[in-house]
């Protein structure tokens, strides 16, 4: 049984699968080689003893693979006084072949450490969405440093909250 390709040639299924495997392996090797040669220590953040790729790493991948990114959707929630409270973005990363992947990112005031919330909250949300879209598109399947930062802050907040409750009970 054969499959017609755009040139109207008959290609056996086995050949088609082999070509896809070869292409996939070549793309994965390119990703690994780019990681070795383009990324340095400044592209990683150590969180709880593990290294996570930062924004700079994902932008290097975008440049190396000629990936474009576009904001597909966004929602910015503000307080009555106009201060940004929360932001969510959906970003689409696209290869020249047309293949694409969407990434979702969110950031809120509850994460703390946002001295300029009207800028910091949307910027962090769009960075998370962009990183995730690029990671999904190239098949890295990794959690980015920006995502881990929010989880780390949430864990710190919960620990502090528990300690405060314990201290209040002990008094």
Protein backbone atom coordinates (compact mmCIF):
# COMPACT_ATOMS: atom_id res chain seq x y z
CA UNK A 1 0.00 0.00 0.00
CA UNK A 2 1.35 3.45 -0.84
CA UNK A 3 0.80 7.06 0.02
CA UNK A 4 0.75 9.81 -2.60
CA UNK A 5 3.04 12.71 -1.92
CA UNK A 6 2.72 16.23 -3.36
CA UNK A 7 4.93 15.27 -6.34
CA UNK A 8 2.45 12.49 -7.21
CA UNK A 9 5.03 9.81 -6.53
CA UNK A 10 4.10 6.60 -4.77
CA UNK A 11 6.01 6.11 -1.52
CA UNK A 12 5.74 2.98 0.58
CA UNK A 13 4.55 3.40 4.15
CA UNK A 14 7.80 1.90 5.46
CA UNK A 15 9.88 4.52 3.58
CA UNK A 16 7.61 7.33 4.83
CA UNK A 17 8.02 6.19 8.46
CA UNK A 18 11.79 5.78 8.10
CA UNK A 19 12.09 9.30 6.67
CA UNK A 20 10.06 10.70 9.56
CA UNK A 21 12.24 8.87 12.10
CA UNK A 22 15.42 10.14 10.45
CA UNK A 23 14.04 13.69 10.38
CA UNK A 24 12.91 13.51 14.00
CA UNK A 25 16.29 12.19 15.13
CA UNK A 26 18.12 14.87 13.17
CA UNK A 27 15.95 17.59 14.72
CA UNK A 28 16.50 16.21 18.23
CA UNK A 29 20.26 16.03 17.66
CA UNK A 30 20.16 19.65 16.45
CA UNK A 31 18.36 20.64 19.67
CA UNK A 32 20.97 18.85 21.77
CA UNK A 33 23.86 20.39 19.83
CA UNK A 34 22.37 23.88 20.09
CA UNK A 35 21.94 23.33 23.83
CA UNK A 36 25.62 22.38 24.18
CA UNK A 37 27.04 25.10 21.95
CA UNK A 38 24.74 28.10 22.45
CA UNK A 39 23.67 27.94 26.07
CA UNK A 40 25.94 28.87 28.95
CA UNK A 41 25.54 29.15 32.73
CA UNK A 42 23.76 32.51 32.42
CA UNK A 43 20.90 30.75 30.55
CA UNK A 44 20.07 28.60 33.58
CA UNK A 45 18.68 29.27 37.02
CA UNK A 46 19.30 26.96 39.94
CA UNK A 47 16.09 26.24 41.86
CA UNK A 48 16.22 23.72 44.67
CA UNK A 49 19.39 22.14 43.31
CA UNK A 50 18.07 21.70 39.76
CA UNK A 51 18.94 23.78 36.68
CA UNK A 52 16.08 25.28 34.70
CA UNK A 53 16.35 27.16 31.40
CA UNK A 54 15.58 30.87 31.58
CA UNK A 55 14.04 33.23 29.04
CA UNK A 56 17.41 33.78 27.36
CA UNK A 57 17.71 30.06 26.56
CA UNK A 58 14.28 29.86 24.96
CA UNK A 59 14.97 32.98 22.88
CA UNK A 60 18.22 31.40 21.65
CA UNK A 61 16.27 28.32 20.57
CA UNK A 62 13.74 30.55 18.78
CA UNK A 63 16.52 32.25 16.88
CA UNK A 64 18.36 29.00 16.07
CA UNK A 65 15.23 27.27 14.73
CA UNK A 66 13.81 30.46 13.15
CA UNK A 67 10.71 30.31 15.34
CA UNK A 68 8.34 33.26 15.35
CA UNK A 69 6.00 34.01 18.24
CA UNK A 70 2.69 35.83 18.25
CA UNK A 71 0.36 36.77 21.08
CA UNK A 72 -2.91 34.99 20.27
CA UNK A 73 -4.94 36.11 23.27
CA UNK A 74 -4.51 38.01 26.51
CA UNK A 75 -6.49 38.95 29.57
CA UNK A 76 -5.29 41.60 32.00
CA UNK A 77 -7.32 42.04 35.16
CA UNK A 78 -6.98 45.33 37.01
CA UNK A 79 -8.08 46.64 40.38
CA UNK A 80 -10.60 49.47 40.71
CA UNK A 81 -7.62 51.84 40.84
CA UNK A 82 -6.19 50.57 37.56
CA UNK A 83 -3.35 48.48 39.00
CA UNK A 84 -2.72 45.18 37.25
CA UNK A 85 -3.80 42.31 39.47
CA UNK A 86 -3.39 39.35 37.12
CA UNK A 87 -2.47 38.66 33.51
CA UNK A 88 -2.85 35.64 31.24
CA UNK A 89 -1.44 35.25 27.74
CA UNK A 90 -1.63 32.65 25.00
CA UNK A 91 1.37 32.76 22.66
CA UNK A 92 1.77 30.79 19.44
CA UNK A 93 5.24 29.70 18.35
CA UNK A 94 5.57 28.82 14.66
CA UNK A 95 8.28 27.14 12.60
CA UNK A 96 8.92 28.15 8.97
CA UNK A 97 7.23 24.85 7.98
CA UNK A 98 3.99 26.17 9.47
CA UNK A 99 4.00 23.77 12.42
CA UNK A 100 2.97 25.60 15.59
CA UNK A 101 2.32 25.19 19.30
CA UNK A 102 0.45 27.39 21.74
CA UNK A 103 1.63 28.17 25.25
CA UNK A 104 -0.33 29.65 28.14
CA UNK A 105 1.21 31.81 30.84
CA UNK A 106 -0.20 33.54 33.89
CA UNK A 107 1.11 35.81 36.62
CA UNK A 108 -0.66 37.49 39.51
CA UNK A 109 0.03 39.98 42.25
CA UNK A 110 -0.14 37.14 44.80
CA UNK A 111 3.26 35.94 43.57
CA UNK A 112 4.81 38.96 45.26
CA UNK A 113 8.10 40.60 44.34
CA UNK A 114 6.42 42.76 41.69
CA UNK A 115 7.66 46.30 42.37
CA UNK A 116 6.14 47.57 39.10
CA UNK A 117 2.98 45.44 38.83
CA UNK A 118 1.57 47.14 35.72
CA UNK A 119 4.70 46.07 33.85
CA UNK A 120 6.03 43.07 35.79
CA UNK A 121 2.84 40.99 35.90
CA UNK A 122 2.01 41.07 32.14
CA UNK A 123 5.69 40.76 31.21
CA UNK A 124 6.12 37.65 33.38
CA UNK A 125 2.90 36.12 32.02
CA UNK A 126 3.89 36.65 28.38
CA UNK A 127 7.41 35.32 29.07
CA UNK A 128 5.96 32.15 30.58
CA UNK A 129 3.58 31.68 27.64
CA UNK A 130 6.34 32.27 25.08
CA UNK A 131 8.78 29.92 26.81
CA UNK A 132 6.15 27.20 27.01
CA UNK A 133 5.14 27.59 23.35
CA UNK A 134 8.76 27.35 22.18
CA UNK A 135 9.46 24.38 24.48
CA UNK A 136 6.36 22.55 23.25
CA UNK A 137 7.12 23.31 19.61
CA UNK A 138 10.65 21.94 19.71
CA UNK A 139 9.62 19.00 21.86
CA UNK A 140 11.75 19.89 24.86
CA UNK A 141 8.92 19.18 27.31
CA UNK A 142 10.70 21.12 30.03
CA UNK A 143 9.40 23.33 32.79
CA UNK A 144 10.98 26.76 32.46
CA UNK A 145 12.74 28.73 35.21
CA UNK A 146 10.00 31.38 35.14
CA UNK A 147 7.38 28.72 35.87
CA UNK A 148 9.46 27.24 38.69
CA UNK A 149 9.96 30.67 40.25
CA UNK A 150 6.23 31.02 40.82
CA UNK A 151 6.00 27.51 42.29
CA UNK A 152 8.95 28.22 44.55
CA UNK A 153 7.39 31.49 45.73
CA UNK A 154 4.07 29.74 46.38
CA UNK A 155 5.80 27.07 48.47
CA UNK A 156 7.66 29.77 50.45
CA UNK A 157 4.40 31.62 51.00
CA UNK A 158 2.64 28.47 52.23
CA UNK A 159 5.55 27.64 54.59
CA UNK A 160 5.53 31.18 56.01
CA UNK A 161 1.76 31.05 56.41
CA UNK A 162 1.97 27.70 58.23
CA UNK A 163 4.75 29.01 60.49
CA UNK A 164 2.73 32.11 61.29
CA UNK A 165 -0.30 29.99 62.22
CA UNK A 166 1.93 27.75 64.37
CA UNK A 167 3.51 30.80 66.08
CA UNK A 168 0.05 32.28 66.79
CA UNK A 169 -1.14 28.97 68.27
CA UNK A 170 2.02 28.63 70.39
CA UNK A 171 1.58 32.13 71.91
